[in-house]
Amino acid sequence: MIGETKYYLDFKNKKVSEGVVLSEQITQSGYDIYLLKTNKGVEQVECCLAFDSQEKATNAFIEKMPIAKQMEDINNKAKKGIDDLRIDLIGKPKFKHLIGGNK
């Protein structure tokens, strides 16, 4: 297993990416993950989202991307809700203009 190439569903970048297995671990919530050496560094990838062939990964990506998009939309909506509540609680940030934001 260590040293094998895996093709994984990179939902963040909306593509199939490639990496080499450095280790396999179990998270505190019970998921098994790979640590993969990629061209971006080291990535943690759920084992069920990593495949032995690019073809299998591409087919899975097409099938699972709508679910990942739905999860992203829910997450973004929740973040906005939390940001709005934070403003109600402590007010608007004083220095947002210094980091490129305009909220």
N, C-alpha and C. Protein backbone atom coordinates (compact mmCIF):
# COMPACT_ATOMS: atom_id res chain seq x y z
N MET A 1 0.82 -1.18 0.00
CA MET A 1 0.00 0.00 0.00
C MET A 1 0.87 1.26 0.00
N ILE A 2 1.82 1.37 0.92
CA ILE A 2 2.70 2.53 0.94
C ILE A 2 3.50 2.54 -0.36
N GLY A 3 3.55 3.72 -0.98
CA GLY A 3 4.26 3.87 -2.24
C GLY A 3 3.38 3.72 -3.47
N GLU A 4 2.14 3.24 -3.30
CA GLU A 4 1.22 3.08 -4.43
C GLU A 4 0.67 4.44 -4.87
N THR A 5 0.44 4.58 -6.15
CA THR A 5 -0.20 5.78 -6.69
C THR A 5 -1.70 5.64 -6.57
N LYS A 6 -2.35 6.68 -6.09
CA LYS A 6 -3.80 6.73 -5.98
C LYS A 6 -4.31 7.97 -6.72
N TYR A 7 -5.48 7.83 -7.30
CA TYR A 7 -6.16 8.94 -7.96
C TYR A 7 -7.36 9.28 -7.09
N TYR A 8 -7.42 10.53 -6.64
CA TYR A 8 -8.44 10.88 -5.67
C TYR A 8 -9.34 12.00 -6.15
N LEU A 9 -10.53 12.03 -5.56
CA LEU A 9 -11.52 13.02 -5.91
C LEU A 9 -11.19 14.31 -5.17
N ASP A 10 -10.69 15.28 -5.91
CA ASP A 10 -10.27 16.56 -5.37
C ASP A 10 -11.41 17.55 -5.58
N PHE A 11 -12.41 17.50 -4.71
CA PHE A 11 -13.59 18.32 -4.87
C PHE A 11 -13.28 19.81 -4.75
N LYS A 12 -12.31 20.14 -3.91
CA LYS A 12 -11.95 21.54 -3.72
C LYS A 12 -11.51 22.18 -5.03
N ASN A 13 -10.73 21.45 -5.81
CA ASN A 13 -10.24 21.96 -7.10
C ASN A 13 -11.04 21.44 -8.29
N LYS A 14 -12.11 20.69 -7.99
CA LYS A 14 -13.04 20.17 -8.99
C LYS A 14 -12.36 19.36 -10.09
N LYS A 15 -11.54 18.38 -9.62
CA LYS A 15 -10.84 17.51 -10.56
C LYS A 15 -10.38 16.24 -9.87
N VAL A 16 -9.88 15.31 -10.67
CA VAL A 16 -9.22 14.12 -10.14
C VAL A 16 -7.74 14.46 -10.03
N SER A 17 -7.16 14.22 -8.87
CA SER A 17 -5.74 14.48 -8.65
C SER A 17 -5.02 13.18 -8.33
N GLU A 18 -3.72 13.24 -8.30
CA GLU A 18 -2.89 12.05 -8.12
C GLU A 18 -1.96 12.24 -6.93
N GLY A 19 -1.72 11.14 -6.21
CA GLY A 19 -0.78 11.19 -5.11
C GLY A 19 -0.24 9.80 -4.80
N VAL A 20 0.82 9.78 -4.02
CA VAL A 20 1.47 8.54 -3.62
C VAL A 20 1.22 8.33 -2.13
N VAL A 21 0.78 7.13 -1.77
CA VAL A 21 0.43 6.81 -0.39
C VAL A 21 1.67 6.86 0.50
N LEU A 22 1.58 7.69 1.55
CA LEU A 22 2.63 7.74 2.58
C LEU A 22 2.22 6.91 3.79
N SER A 23 0.91 6.94 4.11
CA SER A 23 0.41 6.15 5.24
C SER A 23 -1.10 6.06 5.17
N GLU A 24 -1.65 5.17 5.98
CA GLU A 24 -3.09 5.04 6.13
C GLU A 24 -3.39 5.17 7.62
N GLN A 25 -4.41 5.95 7.94
CA GLN A 25 -4.75 6.20 9.33
C GLN A 25 -6.25 6.11 9.53
N ILE A 26 -6.65 6.06 10.78
CA ILE A 26 -8.06 6.13 11.14
C ILE A 26 -8.26 7.42 11.93
N THR A 27 -9.25 8.22 11.51
CA THR A 27 -9.52 9.47 12.19
C THR A 27 -10.25 9.22 13.50
N GLN A 28 -10.33 10.24 14.34
CA GLN A 28 -11.04 10.11 15.61
C GLN A 28 -12.52 9.84 15.40
N SER A 29 -13.05 10.23 14.23
CA SER A 29 -14.46 9.97 13.95
C SER A 29 -14.67 8.62 13.25
N GLY A 30 -13.59 7.86 13.04
CA GLY A 30 -13.72 6.50 12.53
C GLY A 30 -13.51 6.32 11.03
N TYR A 31 -13.18 7.39 10.32
CA TYR A 31 -12.93 7.26 8.88
C TYR A 31 -11.50 6.83 8.63
N ASP A 32 -11.30 6.02 7.59
CA ASP A 32 -9.93 5.68 7.21
C ASP A 32 -9.48 6.64 6.12
N ILE A 33 -8.28 7.15 6.30
CA ILE A 33 -7.74 8.15 5.38
C ILE A 33 -6.33 7.77 4.94
N TYR A 34 -5.99 8.24 3.77
CA TYR A 34 -4.61 8.16 3.30
C TYR A 34 -3.94 9.51 3.52
N LEU A 35 -2.67 9.46 3.82
CA LEU A 35 -1.82 10.63 3.65
C LEU A 35 -1.13 10.43 2.32
N LEU A 36 -1.36 11.36 1.40
CA LEU A 36 -0.81 11.24 0.06
C LEU A 36 0.18 12.36 -0.21
N LYS A 37 1.31 12.01 -0.80
CA LYS A 37 2.28 12.99 -1.28
C LYS A 37 1.81 13.43 -2.66
N THR A 38 1.50 14.71 -2.81
CA THR A 38 1.03 15.24 -4.08
C THR A 38 1.96 16.35 -4.54
N ASN A 39 1.67 16.90 -5.71
CA ASN A 39 2.48 18.02 -6.18
C ASN A 39 2.22 19.29 -5.37
N LYS A 40 1.18 19.28 -4.49
CA LYS A 40 0.88 20.42 -3.62
C LYS A 40 1.44 20.23 -2.22
N GLY A 41 2.00 19.07 -1.95
CA GLY A 41 2.49 18.76 -0.60
C GLY A 41 1.89 17.45 -0.13
N VAL A 42 1.44 17.43 1.13
CA VAL A 42 0.82 16.23 1.70
C VAL A 42 -0.67 16.53 1.89
N GLU A 43 -1.50 15.63 1.40
CA GLU A 43 -2.95 15.78 1.48
C GLU A 43 -3.55 14.61 2.27
N GLN A 44 -4.57 14.89 3.07
CA GLN A 44 -5.35 13.84 3.71
C GLN A 44 -6.56 13.56 2.84
N VAL A 45 -6.76 12.31 2.48
CA VAL A 45 -7.85 11.93 1.59
C VAL A 45 -8.55 10.70 2.16
N GLU A 46 -9.87 10.75 2.24
CA GLU A 46 -10.62 9.57 2.68
C GLU A 46 -10.35 8.43 1.70
N CYS A 47 -10.07 7.26 2.24
CA CYS A 47 -9.73 6.11 1.40
C CYS A 47 -10.82 5.80 0.38
N CYS A 48 -12.08 5.99 0.75
CA CYS A 48 -13.17 5.68 -0.18
C CYS A 48 -13.24 6.66 -1.35
N LEU A 49 -12.45 7.75 -1.31
CA LEU A 49 -12.41 8.71 -2.41
C LEU A 49 -11.11 8.61 -3.20
N ALA A 50 -10.34 7.54 -2.98
CA ALA A 50 -9.08 7.31 -3.68
C ALA A 50 -9.16 5.98 -4.42
N PHE A 51 -8.65 5.97 -5.65
CA PHE A 51 -8.81 4.82 -6.52
C PHE A 51 -7.48 4.42 -7.15
N ASP A 52 -7.43 3.15 -7.61
CA ASP A 52 -6.21 2.62 -8.22
C ASP A 52 -6.01 3.09 -9.65
N SER A 53 -7.10 3.53 -10.31
CA SER A 53 -6.97 3.97 -11.71
C SER A 53 -7.65 5.33 -11.89
N GLN A 54 -7.15 6.07 -12.84
CA GLN A 54 -7.73 7.37 -13.14
C GLN A 54 -9.15 7.21 -13.70
N GLU A 55 -9.38 6.15 -14.45
CA GLU A 55 -10.70 5.90 -15.02
C GLU A 55 -11.75 5.70 -13.92
N LYS A 56 -11.42 4.88 -12.92
CA LYS A 56 -12.35 4.65 -11.81
C LYS A 56 -12.60 5.96 -11.05
N ALA A 57 -11.54 6.72 -10.85
CA ALA A 57 -11.67 7.99 -10.13
C ALA A 57 -12.53 8.98 -10.92
N THR A 58 -12.34 9.03 -12.22
CA THR A 58 -13.12 9.95 -13.05
C THR A 58 -14.60 9.58 -13.02
N ASN A 59 -14.91 8.31 -13.12
CA ASN A 59 -16.30 7.86 -13.06
C ASN A 59 -16.92 8.19 -11.70
N ALA A 60 -16.18 7.98 -10.63
CA ALA A 60 -16.68 8.29 -9.29
C ALA A 60 -16.85 9.80 -9.11
N PHE A 61 -15.94 10.57 -9.68
CA PHE A 61 -16.02 12.03 -9.59
C PHE A 61 -17.31 12.53 -10.22
N ILE A 62 -17.62 12.02 -11.41
CA ILE A 62 -18.84 12.42 -12.11
C ILE A 62 -20.07 12.08 -11.27
N GLU A 63 -20.05 10.92 -10.64
CA GLU A 63 -21.17 10.47 -9.82
C GLU A 63 -21.30 11.27 -8.52
N LYS A 64 -20.19 11.58 -7.87
CA LYS A 64 -20.22 12.15 -6.54
C LYS A 64 -20.10 13.68 -6.49
N MET A 65 -19.71 14.32 -7.58
CA MET A 65 -19.53 15.77 -7.57
C MET A 65 -20.82 16.52 -7.21
N PRO A 66 -22.00 16.10 -7.68
CA PRO A 66 -23.21 16.82 -7.27
C PRO A 66 -23.43 16.81 -5.75
N ILE A 67 -23.08 15.71 -5.10
CA ILE A 67 -23.22 15.63 -3.64
C ILE A 67 -22.21 16.57 -2.98
N ALA A 68 -20.98 16.58 -3.48
CA ALA A 68 -19.95 17.46 -2.93
C ALA A 68 -20.35 18.93 -3.11
N LYS A 69 -20.93 19.26 -4.25
CA LYS A 69 -21.39 20.63 -4.51
C LYS A 69 -22.49 21.01 -3.53
N GLN A 70 -23.40 20.10 -3.29
CA GLN A 70 -24.49 20.34 -2.34
C GLN A 70 -23.92 20.57 -0.93
N MET A 71 -22.93 19.78 -0.55
CA MET A 71 -22.28 19.95 0.76
C MET A 71 -21.60 21.32 0.84
N GLU A 72 -20.93 21.72 -0.22
CA GLU A 72 -20.25 23.02 -0.26
C GLU A 72 -21.25 24.16 -0.11
N ASP A 73 -22.39 24.06 -0.81
CA ASP A 73 -23.42 25.09 -0.71
C ASP A 73 -23.96 25.21 0.71
N ILE A 74 -24.23 24.08 1.34
CA ILE A 74 -24.72 24.08 2.73
C ILE A 74 -23.67 24.71 3.65
N ASN A 75 -22.42 24.33 3.47
CA ASN A 75 -21.33 24.85 4.29
C ASN A 75 -21.19 26.37 4.13
N ASN A 76 -21.24 26.85 2.89
CA ASN A 76 -21.11 28.29 2.64
C ASN A 76 -22.26 29.07 3.26
N LYS A 77 -23.47 28.53 3.17
CA LYS A 77 -24.63 29.17 3.77
C LYS A 77 -24.49 29.23 5.29
N ALA A 78 -24.02 28.14 5.88
CA ALA A 78 -23.82 28.10 7.33
C ALA A 78 -22.75 29.10 7.76
N LYS A 79 -21.65 29.19 7.00
CA LYS A 79 -20.59 30.16 7.33
C LYS A 79 -21.11 31.58 7.31
N LYS A 80 -21.93 31.89 6.29
CA LYS A 80 -22.50 33.24 6.21
C LYS A 80 -23.40 33.51 7.40
N GLY A 81 -24.21 32.52 7.78
CA GLY A 81 -25.08 32.68 8.94
C GLY A 81 -24.29 32.93 10.22
N ILE A 82 -23.21 32.21 10.38
CA ILE A 82 -22.36 32.40 11.56
C ILE A 82 -21.70 33.78 11.53
N ASP A 83 -21.22 34.19 10.36
CA ASP A 83 -20.63 35.53 10.25
C ASP A 83 -21.64 36.61 10.60
N ASP A 84 -22.88 36.46 10.14
CA ASP A 84 -23.93 37.44 10.46
C ASP A 84 -24.20 37.48 11.96
N LEU A 85 -24.24 36.31 12.60
CA LEU A 85 -24.45 36.26 14.04
C LEU A 85 -23.26 36.88 14.80
N ARG A 86 -22.06 36.64 14.30
CA ARG A 86 -20.88 37.22 14.93
C ARG A 86 -20.95 38.74 14.91
N ILE A 87 -21.41 39.31 13.79
CA ILE A 87 -21.56 40.76 13.69
C ILE A 87 -22.59 41.25 14.70
N ASP A 88 -23.70 40.52 14.84
CA ASP A 88 -24.71 40.88 15.85
C ASP A 88 -24.13 40.83 17.26
N LEU A 89 -23.25 39.86 17.49
CA LEU A 89 -22.69 39.66 18.83
C LEU A 89 -21.59 40.67 19.16
N ILE A 90 -20.64 40.86 18.24
CA ILE A 90 -19.47 41.68 18.57
C ILE A 90 -19.24 42.86 17.61
N GLY A 91 -20.11 43.02 16.62
CA GLY A 91 -19.97 44.14 15.69
C GLY A 91 -19.12 43.77 14.48
N LYS A 92 -19.03 44.74 13.56
CA LYS A 92 -18.26 44.52 12.33
C LYS A 92 -16.76 44.57 12.64
N PRO A 93 -15.98 43.82 11.87
CA PRO A 93 -14.53 43.85 12.07
C PRO A 93 -13.96 45.25 11.77
N LYS A 94 -13.01 45.68 12.57
CA LYS A 94 -12.41 47.01 12.39
C LYS A 94 -11.40 47.05 11.25
N PHE A 95 -10.73 45.94 10.99
CA PHE A 95 -9.59 45.97 10.08
C PHE A 95 -9.77 45.09 8.85
N LYS A 96 -11.00 44.79 8.48
CA LYS A 96 -11.26 43.92 7.34
C LYS A 96 -10.63 44.48 6.06
N HIS A 97 -10.59 45.80 5.92
CA HIS A 97 -10.00 46.42 4.73
C HIS A 97 -8.51 46.11 4.58
N LEU A 98 -7.86 45.78 5.65
CA LEU A 98 -6.43 45.48 5.60
C LEU A 98 -6.14 44.09 5.05
N ILE A 99 -7.14 43.21 5.07
CA ILE A 99 -6.93 41.84 4.57
C ILE A 99 -7.69 41.57 3.30
N GLY A 100 -8.22 42.60 2.68
CA GLY A 100 -8.86 42.45 1.38
C GLY A 100 -10.35 42.25 1.41
N GLY A 101 -10.95 42.25 2.59
CA GLY A 101 -12.40 42.09 2.66
C GLY A 101 -13.08 43.44 2.62
N ASN A 102 -14.37 43.44 2.33
CA ASN A 102 -15.09 44.70 2.32
C ASN A 102 -16.44 44.58 3.02
N LYS A 103 -16.54 43.69 3.97
CA LYS A 103 -17.79 43.46 4.69
C LYS A 103 -17.95 44.48 5.79
